[in-house]
């Protein structure tokens, strides 16, 4: 029997992970994640789902990060009532993660509807609500690592440690006579809380027909940094930031990254390496997630089964009013979500700290193409946040040692350990440069007969022991949503436009420049009208 594999998300981009496996009349999803990045890419979250919700028998969820789980509430709201198979830790994390995402969608829709620059536009509705999110979380069906289960009739699966975040798993799946392995997100060798990723039973977990592997850092070989070296780098950044006199603002994912930072800061504070710095965790979600970590402390490495997150220098911020009071502070460490600066309280702190020359913004995680975090990290002098143009005067710094993703060599080691691969190695969950670099090396090492980088919507026929064959291409509109979009370029233009016009000394020349820009836009509009009539 043959099977098909369709990539509904995370194809040549790092978010929106969602794959559909069909075998006979059975269909399951591996992940159902939210797209994050440019407005064009995020618009895919609101459009029609690219599959028939009523035909889906089950979901297997690799982990609780929103780019892997964040469209589950929409799936549920559209009528899905089947199981969401995942590890017990992921099941515990889903409720706070999805509920927070629902609240953010409600808040962002309301905020954007009240913006002056949207006056007269059609109102925006939230992608889903908190109630939708809580309903989806109730569908979680916990299963322990390495235990076989049947997600749908005739399909068999089990989960393997992925070493990425708490509860993260790779998925081994038998479907339509094929043995498939989905990496999910893989963690690096040096990782707080979790053992390194791996397939712990080589006798049964080797030799797949098709392997689907993430490639977030497929073009990067990191210098290996131990946990102690990472803490030393963090101490240097903290001390330098506080010496400047302003705040140190750290955009951090609420799940795992914040807890790793708290562990390291507590250890540094205990050792006297960062003085008396006060730390404010301004993320209600991060505080709830930390409670889940406490509940699973006996399963975590580096904790000794103890609560390592309670420390006199660390303060949890609750209501928004408490968050606002941080505006008047200097010399504080503020950790806030989201990690890519796309939503949440971090945007509020950026508004107040980006213009300050004495403040520091420290990035400790991957910033997707098109995200506000990526724009800041790449050196933008001005950015647009919540409809406001903002100068970037703060110091912008970056530490790579906190990555929760395997680098190029670690990915290749994992792929090699899963071999021999009889059919196809699919590379997803990465940007084009990363995928190309990883594909080139995988081919050079002969890791699979075929190495494929699918695009959004591509569907492949799978057969045991043979390379996959593409039988359908994704819609052009979805494929073209990947990467920077016109709104990124518009923000770049708009934030500097007034300043550039002011640099033209002659008033008449300034007015001529504006008139010329208007003529160019009118000319393009005239050219497009005949195309729309065809």
Protein backbone atom coordinates (compact mmCIF):
# COMPACT_ATOMS: atom_id res chain seq x y z
CA UNK A 1 0.00 0.00 0.00
CA UNK A 2 1.25 3.51 -0.76
CA UNK A 3 0.85 6.60 1.39
CA UNK A 4 1.01 10.33 0.73
CA UNK A 5 2.74 13.10 2.65
CA UNK A 6 1.65 16.74 2.31
CA UNK A 7 3.52 19.71 3.75
CA UNK A 8 0.97 22.26 4.94
CA UNK A 9 3.51 24.31 6.90
CA UNK A 10 7.17 24.86 7.85
CA UNK A 11 8.33 24.22 4.28
CA UNK A 12 11.21 26.60 3.43
CA UNK A 13 10.22 28.56 6.51
CA UNK A 14 10.64 27.87 10.23
CA UNK A 15 7.07 28.20 11.49
CA UNK A 16 3.63 26.72 10.90
CA UNK A 17 4.74 23.09 11.21
CA UNK A 18 2.00 20.82 9.85
CA UNK A 19 2.23 17.64 7.79
CA UNK A 20 -0.58 15.36 6.66
CA UNK A 21 -0.03 11.62 6.23
CA UNK A 22 -2.70 9.69 4.31
CA UNK A 23 -2.81 5.90 4.08
CA UNK A 24 -5.95 4.41 2.56
CA UNK A 25 -8.91 6.22 4.10
CA UNK A 26 -6.95 7.29 7.21
CA UNK A 27 -5.48 10.73 7.61
CA UNK A 28 -3.44 12.15 10.45
CA UNK A 29 -1.56 15.38 11.07
CA UNK A 30 1.90 15.61 12.53
CA UNK A 31 1.76 19.01 14.27
CA UNK A 32 -0.65 21.85 13.56
CA UNK A 33 1.31 25.02 14.17
CA UNK A 34 0.90 28.76 13.80
CA UNK A 35 2.75 30.72 11.13
CA UNK A 36 4.88 33.52 12.61
CA UNK A 37 6.83 36.21 10.78
CA UNK A 38 5.71 38.64 8.08
CA UNK A 39 2.08 39.79 7.87
CA UNK A 40 1.71 37.92 4.58
CA UNK A 41 2.86 34.66 6.16
CA UNK A 42 0.71 35.19 9.27
CA UNK A 43 -2.32 35.77 7.02
CA UNK A 44 -2.22 32.02 6.26
CA UNK A 45 -3.41 31.45 9.85
CA UNK A 46 -6.69 33.21 9.03
CA UNK A 47 -7.43 31.70 5.62
CA UNK A 48 -9.12 28.38 4.89
CA UNK A 49 -7.19 25.41 6.25
CA UNK A 50 -5.52 23.56 3.35
CA UNK A 51 -7.08 20.22 4.27
CA UNK A 52 -10.52 18.81 5.06
CA UNK A 53 -10.89 19.03 8.84
CA UNK A 54 -13.62 16.36 8.81
CA UNK A 55 -11.25 13.81 7.27
CA UNK A 56 -8.55 14.07 9.96
CA UNK A 57 -8.56 11.04 12.31
CA UNK A 58 -5.80 12.11 14.71
CA UNK A 59 -3.02 14.57 15.44
CA UNK A 60 0.43 13.63 16.70
CA UNK A 61 2.05 16.64 18.34
CA UNK A 62 5.85 16.79 18.62
CA UNK A 63 5.93 19.55 21.27
CA UNK A 64 4.08 22.53 22.71
CA UNK A 65 5.79 25.45 20.97
CA UNK A 66 3.17 27.58 19.25
CA UNK A 67 4.72 27.20 15.80
CA UNK A 68 3.94 23.47 16.17
CA UNK A 69 0.72 23.55 18.23
CA UNK A 70 -0.78 27.01 17.72
CA UNK A 71 -3.45 26.16 15.12
CA UNK A 72 -4.92 23.30 17.15
CA UNK A 73 -7.57 25.65 18.62
CA UNK A 74 -8.67 26.63 15.11
CA UNK A 75 -8.77 22.96 14.14
CA UNK A 76 -10.96 22.25 17.17
CA UNK A 77 -13.20 25.26 16.53
CA UNK A 78 -13.81 23.97 13.00
CA UNK A 79 -15.11 20.66 14.35
CA UNK A 80 -12.15 18.40 15.07
CA UNK A 81 -12.79 16.25 18.16
CA UNK A 82 -10.20 13.49 17.71
CA UNK A 83 -7.16 12.78 19.90
CA UNK A 84 -3.99 14.88 20.06
CA UNK A 85 -1.27 12.35 20.88
CA UNK A 86 1.74 13.77 22.74
CA UNK A 87 4.00 13.20 25.75
CA UNK A 88 2.58 13.84 29.27
CA UNK A 89 4.79 16.93 29.64
CA UNK A 90 3.48 18.37 26.38
CA UNK A 91 -0.09 17.67 27.49
CA UNK A 92 0.56 19.64 30.71
CA UNK A 93 2.03 22.55 28.75
CA UNK A 94 -0.72 22.75 26.14
CA UNK A 95 -3.35 24.31 28.39
CA UNK A 96 -1.33 27.42 29.43
CA UNK A 97 0.40 27.75 26.02
CA UNK A 98 -2.76 27.61 23.91
CA UNK A 99 -4.86 29.67 26.33
CA UNK A 100 -2.25 32.44 26.26
CA UNK A 101 -2.15 32.31 22.46
CA UNK A 102 -5.94 32.67 22.35
CA UNK A 103 -5.81 35.71 24.64
CA UNK A 104 -3.10 37.28 22.48
CA UNK A 105 -5.18 36.78 19.33
CA UNK A 106 -8.19 38.41 21.00
CA UNK A 107 -6.11 41.32 22.31
CA UNK A 108 -4.24 41.91 19.04
CA UNK A 109 -7.48 41.94 17.04
CA UNK A 110 -9.03 44.48 19.42
CA UNK A 111 -5.88 46.64 19.49
CA UNK A 112 -5.51 46.74 15.71
CA UNK A 113 -9.21 47.52 15.26
CA UNK A 114 -8.75 50.64 17.40
CA UNK A 115 -5.67 51.92 15.56
CA UNK A 116 -6.19 55.30 13.85
CA UNK A 117 -4.49 54.12 10.66
CA UNK A 118 -7.18 51.38 10.28
CA UNK A 119 -10.15 53.73 10.54
CA UNK A 120 -12.81 52.62 8.06
CA UNK A 121 -11.19 49.22 7.39
CA UNK A 122 -13.08 45.96 7.86
CA UNK A 123 -12.78 44.81 11.51
CA UNK A 124 -10.23 42.09 12.23
CA UNK A 125 -11.49 38.97 13.99
CA UNK A 126 -9.16 36.88 16.16
CA UNK A 127 -7.77 33.71 14.62
CA UNK A 128 -9.27 31.93 17.64
CA UNK A 129 -10.27 32.69 21.22
CA UNK A 130 -9.14 31.56 24.63
CA UNK A 131 -12.25 29.35 24.83
CA UNK A 132 -11.27 27.65 21.55
CA UNK A 133 -7.78 27.08 22.96
CA UNK A 134 -9.01 25.47 26.17
CA UNK A 135 -11.30 23.16 24.18
CA UNK A 136 -8.37 22.03 22.05
CA UNK A 137 -6.16 21.37 25.09
CA UNK A 138 -8.78 18.95 26.41
CA UNK A 139 -8.16 16.68 23.39
CA UNK A 140 -4.60 15.86 24.49
CA UNK A 141 -3.95 12.11 24.81
CA UNK A 142 -0.69 11.55 26.75
CA UNK A 143 1.60 8.65 25.81
CA UNK A 144 5.03 7.83 27.24
CA UNK A 145 8.19 7.91 25.16
CA UNK A 146 8.92 4.67 23.25
CA UNK A 147 5.45 3.18 23.92
CA UNK A 148 3.68 2.03 20.74
CA UNK A 149 0.18 3.41 20.10
CA UNK A 150 -2.34 3.39 17.25
CA UNK A 151 -3.22 6.99 16.25
CA UNK A 152 -5.70 5.71 13.66
CA UNK A 153 -6.77 2.27 12.48
CA UNK A 154 -3.95 0.58 10.60
CA UNK A 155 -1.31 3.12 11.66
CA UNK A 156 1.26 2.56 14.41
CA UNK A 157 3.48 5.14 16.10
CA UNK A 158 5.82 5.81 18.98
CA UNK A 159 7.64 8.88 20.30
CA UNK A 160 11.37 9.37 20.90
CA UNK A 161 13.21 11.97 22.95
CA UNK A 162 14.07 14.98 20.75
CA UNK A 163 16.04 16.91 23.40
CA UNK A 164 14.51 20.24 22.30
CA UNK A 165 12.23 21.45 25.11
CA UNK A 166 10.31 19.83 27.95
CA UNK A 167 8.23 17.01 26.43
CA UNK A 168 9.58 17.39 22.87
CA UNK A 169 9.54 14.23 20.78
CA UNK A 170 10.39 12.81 17.38
CA UNK A 171 7.70 10.63 15.79
CA UNK A 172 8.20 7.16 14.35
CA UNK A 173 5.21 6.24 12.20
CA UNK A 174 4.24 3.12 10.25
CA UNK A 175 1.73 4.00 7.53
CA UNK A 176 0.83 2.38 4.22
CA UNK A 177 3.74 -0.06 4.39
CA UNK A 178 6.22 2.79 5.00
CA UNK A 179 8.40 3.44 8.05
CA UNK A 180 8.58 7.20 8.58
CA UNK A 181 10.52 9.29 11.07
CA UNK A 182 9.63 12.93 11.82
CA UNK A 183 12.35 14.73 13.76
CA UNK A 184 10.16 17.47 15.20
CA UNK A 185 12.59 20.08 16.53
CA UNK A 186 15.89 18.57 17.68
CA UNK A 187 17.90 19.96 20.58
CA UNK A 188 21.67 20.45 20.76
CA UNK A 189 24.08 18.19 22.62
CA UNK A 190 24.58 20.73 25.44
CA UNK A 191 21.14 21.54 26.83
CA UNK A 192 19.85 22.40 30.28
CA UNK A 193 17.13 20.17 31.77
CA UNK A 194 17.11 17.51 29.03
CA UNK A 195 19.30 14.66 27.77
CA UNK A 196 20.65 14.92 24.21
CA UNK A 197 18.29 13.78 21.44
CA UNK A 198 18.67 10.26 20.14
CA UNK A 199 17.10 6.97 19.17
CA UNK A 200 17.88 4.89 22.23
CA UNK A 201 17.11 1.48 20.73
CA UNK A 202 19.26 1.10 17.59
CA UNK A 203 17.93 -2.41 16.96
CA UNK A 204 14.42 -1.12 16.23
CA UNK A 205 14.82 2.61 15.57
CA UNK A 206 17.13 2.48 12.55
CA UNK A 207 16.49 2.01 8.87
CA UNK A 208 13.57 4.12 7.66
CA UNK A 209 11.95 4.50 4.27
CA UNK A 210 11.56 8.25 4.63
CA UNK A 211 12.93 10.73 7.18
CA UNK A 212 11.59 14.26 7.66
CA UNK A 213 14.17 16.41 9.44
CA UNK A 214 14.14 20.01 10.59
CA UNK A 215 16.92 22.28 9.28
CA UNK A 216 16.65 25.51 11.29
CA UNK A 217 20.42 25.72 11.71
CA UNK A 218 21.35 23.60 8.71
CA UNK A 219 23.91 26.19 7.59
CA UNK A 220 25.46 26.84 11.01
CA UNK A 221 28.18 24.98 12.88
CA UNK A 222 28.38 26.50 16.33
CA UNK A 223 31.39 26.66 18.54
CA UNK A 224 30.56 24.18 21.27
CA UNK A 225 29.71 26.06 24.44
CA UNK A 226 29.33 24.32 27.76
CA UNK A 227 26.71 25.44 30.25
CA UNK A 228 29.45 27.05 32.35
CA UNK A 229 30.83 28.98 29.35
CA UNK A 230 27.31 30.08 28.45
CA UNK A 231 26.81 31.42 31.96
CA UNK A 232 30.10 33.31 31.73
CA UNK A 233 28.94 34.96 28.47
CA UNK A 234 25.60 35.85 30.06
CA UNK A 235 27.36 37.37 33.08
CA UNK A 236 29.50 39.51 30.77
CA UNK A 237 26.42 40.80 28.93
CA UNK A 238 24.52 41.49 32.17
CA UNK A 239 27.42 43.36 33.78
CA UNK A 240 28.10 45.42 30.63
CA UNK A 241 24.42 46.30 30.27
CA UNK A 242 24.00 47.35 33.88
CA UNK A 243 27.20 49.41 33.72
CA UNK A 244 25.56 51.48 30.95
CA UNK A 245 22.89 52.43 33.51
CA UNK A 246 19.80 51.40 31.59
CA UNK A 247 17.70 48.25 31.50
CA UNK A 248 18.65 44.92 30.00
CA UNK A 249 15.63 43.69 28.01
CA UNK A 250 15.66 40.04 26.94
CA UNK A 251 13.00 38.82 24.49
CA UNK A 252 12.56 35.17 25.43
CA UNK A 253 10.22 32.35 24.58
CA UNK A 254 8.01 31.66 27.58
CA UNK A 255 8.61 27.94 27.25
CA UNK A 256 12.11 26.61 28.05
CA UNK A 257 14.20 29.68 27.16
CA UNK A 258 12.89 31.70 30.11
CA UNK A 259 13.42 28.77 32.47
CA UNK A 260 17.00 28.28 31.21
CA UNK A 261 17.72 31.98 31.78
CA UNK A 262 16.28 31.82 35.29
CA UNK A 263 18.42 28.78 36.10
CA UNK A 264 21.58 30.53 34.85
CA UNK A 265 20.80 33.88 36.50
CA UNK A 266 20.08 32.17 39.82
CA UNK A 267 23.42 30.32 39.62
CA UNK A 268 25.31 33.51 38.67
CA UNK A 269 23.65 35.51 41.43
CA UNK A 270 24.44 32.80 43.98
CA UNK A 271 28.09 32.91 42.86
CA UNK A 272 28.21 36.71 43.12
CA UNK A 273 29.02 37.04 39.41
CA UNK A 274 26.34 39.65 38.60
CA UNK A 275 26.10 41.69 41.76
CA UNK A 276 22.63 42.49 43.06
CA UNK A 277 20.82 42.67 39.73
CA UNK A 278 17.03 42.46 40.01
CA UNK A 279 15.23 40.28 37.46
CA UNK A 280 11.61 40.79 36.41
CA UNK A 281 9.88 38.01 34.50
CA UNK A 282 7.15 39.98 32.74
CA UNK A 283 5.27 37.09 31.18
CA UNK A 284 2.26 35.54 32.91
CA UNK A 285 2.62 32.59 30.54
CA UNK A 286 6.28 32.04 31.44
CA UNK A 287 5.31 32.02 35.10
CA UNK A 288 2.65 29.34 34.46
CA UNK A 289 5.07 27.28 32.37
CA UNK A 290 7.62 27.47 35.19
CA UNK A 291 5.03 25.81 37.42
CA UNK A 292 4.88 22.90 34.95
CA UNK A 293 8.68 22.64 35.13
CA UNK A 294 8.42 22.53 38.92
CA UNK A 295 5.87 19.71 38.65
CA UNK A 296 8.29 17.69 36.47
CA UNK A 297 11.48 18.60 38.38
CA UNK A 298 12.18 14.95 39.18
CA UNK A 299 12.50 14.19 35.44
CA UNK A 300 14.82 17.11 34.62
CA UNK A 301 18.59 17.17 34.49
CA UNK A 302 20.55 19.99 36.21
CA UNK A 303 17.94 20.47 38.95
CA UNK A 304 18.62 17.58 41.29
CA UNK A 305 14.85 17.31 41.63
CA UNK A 306 14.81 20.72 43.37
CA UNK A 307 12.98 23.97 42.65
CA UNK A 308 15.75 25.99 41.00
CA UNK A 309 13.49 28.86 39.93
CA UNK A 310 12.87 30.49 43.31
CA UNK A 311 15.45 33.17 44.13
CA UNK A 312 15.23 36.51 46.00
CA UNK A 313 16.51 38.45 42.95
CA UNK A 314 13.82 37.02 40.64
CA UNK A 315 10.37 38.64 40.59
CA UNK A 316 7.29 37.50 38.68
CA UNK A 317 5.16 40.26 37.15
CA UNK A 318 1.42 39.69 37.07
CA UNK A 319 -1.23 42.24 35.98
CA UNK A 320 -0.53 44.76 33.23
CA UNK A 321 -0.39 47.56 35.81
CA UNK A 322 2.68 45.90 37.39
CA UNK A 323 4.26 45.69 33.95
CA UNK A 324 3.67 49.41 33.35
CA UNK A 325 5.53 50.28 36.56
CA UNK A 326 8.71 48.86 35.03
CA UNK A 327 8.69 51.85 32.63
CA UNK A 328 10.19 54.09 35.30
CA UNK A 329 13.01 51.71 36.19
CA UNK A 330 16.68 51.70 35.23
CA UNK A 331 19.25 49.01 35.91
CA UNK A 332 16.73 46.15 35.78
CA UNK A 333 16.81 42.88 33.86
CA UNK A 334 13.45 42.43 32.11
CA UNK A 335 12.62 39.06 30.54
CA UNK A 336 9.45 39.13 28.45
CA UNK A 337 7.74 37.19 25.66
CA UNK A 338 7.44 36.74 22.79
CA UNK A 339 10.89 35.56 21.79
CA UNK A 340 10.66 37.00 18.24
CA UNK A 341 9.04 40.27 19.46
CA UNK A 342 5.90 39.60 17.43
CA UNK A 343 3.39 39.96 20.26
CA UNK A 344 3.02 40.14 24.03
CA UNK A 345 4.58 42.44 26.61
CA UNK A 346 8.02 42.52 24.99
CA UNK A 347 6.73 45.05 22.45
CA UNK A 348 5.75 47.37 25.30
CA UNK A 349 9.27 47.17 26.77
CA UNK A 350 10.86 47.70 23.36
CA UNK A 351 8.81 50.88 22.92
CA UNK A 352 10.26 52.22 26.17
CA UNK A 353 13.84 50.95 25.85
CA UNK A 354 14.79 50.95 22.16
CA UNK A 355 15.15 54.78 22.09
CA UNK A 356 17.39 54.76 25.22
CA UNK A 357 21.13 54.77 24.53
CA UNK A 358 21.80 53.37 28.01
CA UNK A 359 19.52 50.32 27.53
CA UNK A 360 20.43 46.97 26.00
CA UNK A 361 18.36 44.47 24.01
CA UNK A 362 19.82 40.97 24.30
CA UNK A 363 18.63 38.27 21.89
CA UNK A 364 19.06 34.68 23.02
CA UNK A 365 17.10 32.78 20.37
CA UNK A 366 16.38 32.36 16.68
CA UNK A 367 14.64 35.27 14.93
CA UNK A 368 12.57 34.22 11.93
CA UNK A 369 12.79 36.10 8.65
CA UNK A 370 10.27 38.94 8.61
CA UNK A 371 9.87 39.09 12.41
CA UNK A 372 10.45 42.32 14.37
CA UNK A 373 13.25 40.61 16.30
CA UNK A 374 15.06 39.77 13.05
CA UNK A 375 14.71 43.37 11.82
CA UNK A 376 16.22 44.75 15.05
CA UNK A 377 18.97 42.14 15.16
CA UNK A 378 19.99 42.90 11.57
CA UNK A 379 20.72 46.52 12.51
CA UNK A 380 17.64 48.57 11.63
CA UNK A 381 18.01 52.18 12.80
CA UNK A 382 14.27 52.66 13.05
CA UNK A 383 11.41 50.16 13.43
CA UNK A 384 7.63 50.28 13.48
CA UNK A 385 5.89 48.91 16.59
CA UNK A 386 2.13 49.00 17.07
CA UNK A 387 1.75 51.70 14.43
CA UNK A 388 4.51 53.91 15.92
CA UNK A 389 7.90 54.72 14.37
CA UNK A 390 10.69 54.10 16.87
CA UNK A 391 14.40 54.95 16.76
CA UNK A 392 16.78 52.13 17.71
CA UNK A 393 19.41 53.72 19.95
CA UNK A 394 19.81 50.91 22.48
CA UNK A 395 22.71 48.48 22.32
CA UNK A 396 21.64 45.31 20.47
CA UNK A 397 23.45 42.15 21.54
CA UNK A 398 23.16 38.42 20.85
CA UNK A 399 24.18 35.17 22.59
CA UNK A 400 23.94 32.00 20.52
CA UNK A 401 24.58 29.53 23.35
CA UNK A 402 20.90 29.31 24.32
CA UNK A 403 19.68 27.81 21.09
CA UNK A 404 17.26 24.93 21.62
CA UNK A 405 18.01 23.66 18.10
CA UNK A 406 20.71 21.30 16.91
CA UNK A 407 23.30 22.82 14.59
CA UNK A 408 24.40 21.48 11.20
CA UNK A 409 26.73 18.75 12.50
CA UNK A 410 24.25 17.64 15.16
CA UNK A 411 21.48 17.40 12.56
CA UNK A 412 23.72 15.33 10.29
CA UNK A 413 24.65 13.05 13.19
CA UNK A 414 20.96 12.48 13.97
CA UNK A 415 20.11 11.75 10.32
CA UNK A 416 23.05 9.33 10.12
CA UNK A 417 21.90 7.55 13.31
CA UNK A 418 18.43 7.07 11.80
CA UNK A 419 19.85 5.48 8.64
CA UNK A 420 20.08 3.75 6.37
CA UNK A 421 17.34 5.74 4.63
CA UNK A 422 15.93 3.67 1.78
CA UNK A 423 13.84 6.38 0.10
CA UNK A 424 13.83 10.10 0.80
CA UNK A 425 15.27 12.59 3.24
CA UNK A 426 12.89 15.57 3.41
CA UNK A 427 14.31 18.79 4.85
CA UNK A 428 11.75 21.19 6.31
CA UNK A 429 11.48 23.77 9.10
CA UNK A 430 14.27 25.98 7.79
CA UNK A 431 14.94 28.99 5.61
CA UNK A 432 16.26 28.45 2.10
CA UNK A 433 19.97 29.03 2.83
CA UNK A 434 19.92 26.63 5.79
CA UNK A 435 18.10 23.94 3.81
CA UNK A 436 20.44 24.26 0.83
CA UNK A 437 23.53 23.90 3.01
CA UNK A 438 22.19 20.86 4.86
CA UNK A 439 20.93 19.23 1.65
CA UNK A 440 24.31 19.67 -0.03
CA UNK A 441 26.15 17.95 2.82
CA UNK A 442 23.56 15.18 3.16
CA UNK A 443 23.93 14.42 -0.55
CA UNK A 444 27.72 14.53 -0.34
CA UNK A 445 27.64 11.98 2.49
CA UNK A 446 25.15 9.78 0.65
CA UNK A 447 22.66 9.81 3.54
CA UNK A 448 19.65 9.07 1.29
CA UNK A 449 18.95 8.19 -2.35
CA UNK A 450 16.90 11.41 -2.63
CA UNK A 451 17.05 14.68 -0.67
CA UNK A 452 14.02 16.94 -1.11
CA UNK A 453 13.21 20.45 0.16
CA UNK A 454 9.40 20.66 -0.19
CA UNK A 455 7.47 23.89 -0.64
CA UNK A 456 4.23 24.82 1.11
CA UNK A 457 1.40 22.60 -0.12
CA UNK A 458 3.56 20.06 -1.96
CA UNK A 459 2.19 16.49 -1.81
CA UNK A 460 4.34 13.37 -2.30
CA UNK A 461 3.48 9.73 -2.95
CA UNK A 462 5.48 7.47 -0.64
CA UNK A 463 6.49 3.89 -1.37
CA UNK A 464 8.63 1.65 0.81
CA UNK A 465 12.28 1.57 -0.26
CA UNK A 466 11.83 4.09 -3.08
CA UNK A 467 12.34 7.84 -3.41
CA UNK A 468 9.15 9.85 -2.95
CA UNK A 469 7.47 11.36 -6.00
CA UNK A 470 5.75 14.73 -5.98
CA UNK A 471 2.19 14.42 -7.24
CA UNK A 472 0.87 17.90 -6.47
CA UNK A 473 2.31 21.38 -6.02
CA UNK A 474 1.07 23.80 -3.42
CA UNK A 475 -0.94 26.88 -4.33
CA UNK A 476 1.26 29.69 -5.59
CA UNK A 477 -0.23 32.14 -3.07
CA UNK A 478 0.91 29.96 -0.17
CA UNK A 479 4.38 29.31 -1.59
CA UNK A 480 4.95 33.01 -2.18
CA UNK A 481 4.01 33.89 1.42
CA UNK A 482 7.42 32.65 2.62
CA UNK A 483 10.17 35.17 3.48
CA UNK A 484 10.08 38.97 3.66
CA UNK A 485 6.97 40.60 2.30
CA UNK A 486 5.95 44.02 1.02
CA UNK A 487 4.87 45.06 4.50
CA UNK A 488 8.41 44.50 5.84
CA UNK A 489 9.70 46.72 3.01
CA UNK A 490 6.93 49.27 3.61
CA UNK A 491 7.87 49.49 7.30
CA UNK A 492 11.51 50.06 6.32
CA UNK A 493 10.45 52.81 3.91
CA UNK A 494 7.88 54.44 6.18
CA UNK A 495 10.10 54.62 9.28
CA UNK A 496 12.77 56.58 7.41
CA UNK A 497 10.65 58.52 4.94
CA UNK A 498 10.08 61.72 6.94
CA UNK A 499 13.74 61.89 7.96
CA UNK A 500 14.91 61.39 4.35
CA UNK A 501 12.52 64.05 3.06
CA UNK A 502 13.72 66.45 5.75
CA UNK A 503 17.28 65.90 4.53
CA UNK A 504 16.30 67.57 1.24
CA UNK A 505 17.08 71.20 2.06
CA UNK A 506 14.95 72.88 -0.61
CA UNK A 507 11.21 72.99 0.16
CA UNK A 508 10.25 72.92 -3.52
CA UNK A 509 12.51 69.90 -4.18
CA UNK A 510 10.91 68.14 -1.22
CA UNK A 511 7.44 68.63 -2.68
CA UNK A 512 8.64 67.45 -6.09
CA UNK A 513 9.98 64.24 -4.49
CA UNK A 514 6.58 63.57 -2.87
CA UNK A 515 4.77 64.23 -6.14
CA UNK A 516 7.10 61.86 -7.99
CA UNK A 517 6.46 59.08 -5.44
CA UNK A 518 2.71 59.56 -5.90
CA UNK A 519 3.05 59.35 -9.69
CA UNK A 520 5.03 56.11 -9.40
CA UNK A 521 2.33 54.53 -7.21
CA UNK A 522 -0.44 55.76 -9.53
CA UNK A 523 1.46 54.37 -12.53
CA UNK A 524 1.72 50.91 -10.92
CA UNK A 525 -1.98 50.99 -10.04
CA UNK A 526 -2.88 51.80 -13.67
CA UNK A 527 -0.72 48.91 -14.93
CA UNK A 528 -2.37 46.43 -12.54
CA UNK A 529 -5.98 47.29 -13.50
CA UNK A 530 -5.89 45.55 -16.93
CA UNK A 531 -4.44 42.41 -15.30
CA UNK A 532 -7.31 42.23 -12.81
CA UNK A 533 -9.89 42.47 -15.64
CA UNK A 534 -8.48 39.40 -17.46
